[in-house]
């Protein structure tokens, strides 16, 4: 199965995985704990670092644009992301079809929010 990894710098990489390597691939891809974000506009799932905003990771303009396609400009995506193809009836993560990979590699959406105050998106103040 295949997924697309996208760095905060906009570098896209097609990676392969199977059910036995999926979790480790996702965790390594986002650099920490994983969280799944369903993107109905594109029919894919975007995996992000669950603590990315708390860790003040760099914005991911590609991921933010994918989010905005499904939900509008309501949030920002930070850190590296991994994009997969949903899940099966048993909850296993599915790979992307060749058509979805081609779409994602050609996708030109990018959104950066200048002077981002991450606390605006967290809903609380970071102390320390």
Protein backbone atom coordinates (compact mmCIF):
# COMPACT_ATOMS: atom_id res chain seq x y z
CA UNK A 1 0.00 0.00 0.00
CA UNK A 2 1.08 3.58 -0.58
CA UNK A 3 0.77 6.89 1.27
CA UNK A 4 2.03 10.41 0.59
CA UNK A 5 4.21 12.14 3.17
CA UNK A 6 4.35 15.97 3.03
CA UNK A 7 6.94 17.98 4.94
CA UNK A 8 6.39 21.50 6.21
CA UNK A 9 8.73 22.63 3.41
CA UNK A 10 6.36 21.15 0.82
CA UNK A 11 8.44 18.11 -0.11
CA UNK A 12 6.14 15.23 -1.15
CA UNK A 13 7.24 11.62 -0.94
CA UNK A 14 5.36 8.44 -1.80
CA UNK A 15 5.96 5.82 0.90
CA UNK A 16 4.95 2.18 1.09
CA UNK A 17 3.50 0.34 4.07
CA UNK A 18 1.50 -2.70 5.05
CA UNK A 19 -0.69 -3.51 8.05
CA UNK A 20 2.30 -4.57 10.12
CA UNK A 21 4.29 -1.38 9.44
CA UNK A 22 1.45 1.16 9.27
CA UNK A 23 1.61 2.56 12.80
CA UNK A 24 5.38 2.96 12.79
CA UNK A 25 5.29 4.57 9.32
CA UNK A 26 2.65 7.08 10.47
CA UNK A 27 4.42 7.84 13.76
CA UNK A 28 7.77 8.37 12.02
CA UNK A 29 6.11 10.39 9.25
CA UNK A 30 4.58 12.96 11.62
CA UNK A 31 7.35 12.80 14.22
CA UNK A 32 5.26 11.83 17.23
CA UNK A 33 1.81 10.77 18.38
CA UNK A 34 -0.61 10.40 15.48
CA UNK A 35 -4.05 11.89 14.98
CA UNK A 36 -6.31 11.18 12.01
CA UNK A 37 -8.16 13.96 10.20
CA UNK A 38 -10.76 12.91 7.65
CA UNK A 39 -10.91 15.12 4.56
CA UNK A 40 -14.25 14.50 2.81
CA UNK A 41 -13.58 16.91 -0.09
CA UNK A 42 -10.70 14.75 -1.30
CA UNK A 43 -11.77 11.41 0.19
CA UNK A 44 -8.50 10.85 2.04
CA UNK A 45 -7.24 10.84 5.60
CA UNK A 46 -4.52 13.19 6.79
CA UNK A 47 -2.39 12.05 9.72
CA UNK A 48 -0.85 14.79 11.85
CA UNK A 49 1.24 15.08 15.00
CA UNK A 50 -1.30 15.13 17.82
CA UNK A 51 0.88 17.51 19.86
CA UNK A 52 2.10 19.58 16.92
CA UNK A 53 0.47 22.81 18.03
CA UNK A 54 1.58 22.36 21.63
CA UNK A 55 5.12 21.75 20.36
CA UNK A 56 4.86 24.86 18.16
CA UNK A 57 5.73 22.95 14.97
CA UNK A 58 6.01 24.89 11.71
CA UNK A 59 2.92 25.39 9.61
CA UNK A 60 2.24 22.94 6.81
CA UNK A 61 0.76 25.07 3.98
CA UNK A 62 -0.14 21.98 1.93
CA UNK A 63 -2.00 20.34 4.81
CA UNK A 64 -3.74 23.58 5.71
CA UNK A 65 -5.01 23.93 2.13
CA UNK A 66 -6.34 20.36 2.18
CA UNK A 67 -8.11 21.14 5.47
CA UNK A 68 -9.60 24.33 4.00
CA UNK A 69 -10.91 22.40 0.96
CA UNK A 70 -13.05 20.31 3.32
CA UNK A 71 -13.82 22.66 6.21
CA UNK A 72 -12.99 26.19 5.09
CA UNK A 73 -10.19 28.35 6.51
CA UNK A 74 -11.07 27.40 10.10
CA UNK A 75 -7.79 25.89 11.32
CA UNK A 76 -4.13 25.50 10.51
CA UNK A 77 -2.13 22.29 10.03
CA UNK A 78 1.33 22.10 11.58
CA UNK A 79 4.18 19.64 11.25
CA UNK A 80 4.78 16.95 8.67
CA UNK A 81 1.71 15.02 7.51
CA UNK A 82 0.98 11.61 5.99
CA UNK A 83 -2.01 11.07 3.69
CA UNK A 84 -3.68 7.67 3.39
CA UNK A 85 -6.82 6.29 1.78
CA UNK A 86 -9.22 5.73 4.66
CA UNK A 87 -9.86 2.41 6.40
CA UNK A 88 -11.52 -0.93 5.75
CA UNK A 89 -14.35 -2.62 7.67
CA UNK A 90 -11.86 -3.99 10.19
CA UNK A 91 -10.29 -0.59 10.87
CA UNK A 92 -7.10 -1.19 8.91
CA UNK A 93 -5.62 1.84 7.19
CA UNK A 94 -5.88 1.69 3.41
CA UNK A 95 -3.35 2.87 0.88
CA UNK A 96 -3.97 5.48 -1.79
CA UNK A 97 -5.01 4.57 -5.32
CA UNK A 98 -2.67 5.59 -8.13
CA UNK A 99 -5.26 8.22 -9.15
CA UNK A 100 -5.27 9.76 -5.63
CA UNK A 101 -1.48 9.78 -5.57
CA UNK A 102 -1.38 11.56 -8.93
CA UNK A 103 -3.96 14.07 -7.65
CA UNK A 104 -1.98 14.75 -4.46
CA UNK A 105 1.35 15.07 -6.28
CA UNK A 106 -0.20 17.60 -8.68
CA UNK A 107 -2.18 19.47 -5.97
CA UNK A 108 -1.13 23.11 -5.92
CA UNK A 109 -3.02 24.37 -2.87
CA UNK A 110 -0.96 26.14 -0.21
CA UNK A 111 -2.19 28.34 2.64
CA UNK A 112 0.10 30.06 5.15
CA UNK A 113 -1.25 32.20 7.95
CA UNK A 114 1.33 34.94 8.60
CA UNK A 115 2.19 35.90 12.18
CA UNK A 116 0.29 32.90 13.51
CA UNK A 117 -0.52 33.03 17.20
CA UNK A 118 -0.88 29.33 17.89
CA UNK A 119 -2.86 30.04 21.06
CA UNK A 120 -5.70 31.34 18.84
CA UNK A 121 -6.08 27.79 17.54
CA UNK A 122 -5.55 26.00 20.84
CA UNK A 123 -8.23 27.86 22.78
CA UNK A 124 -5.96 28.32 25.82
CA UNK A 125 -2.73 30.06 26.78
CA UNK A 126 0.61 28.27 26.93
CA UNK A 127 2.57 29.12 30.09
CA UNK A 128 6.26 28.44 30.36
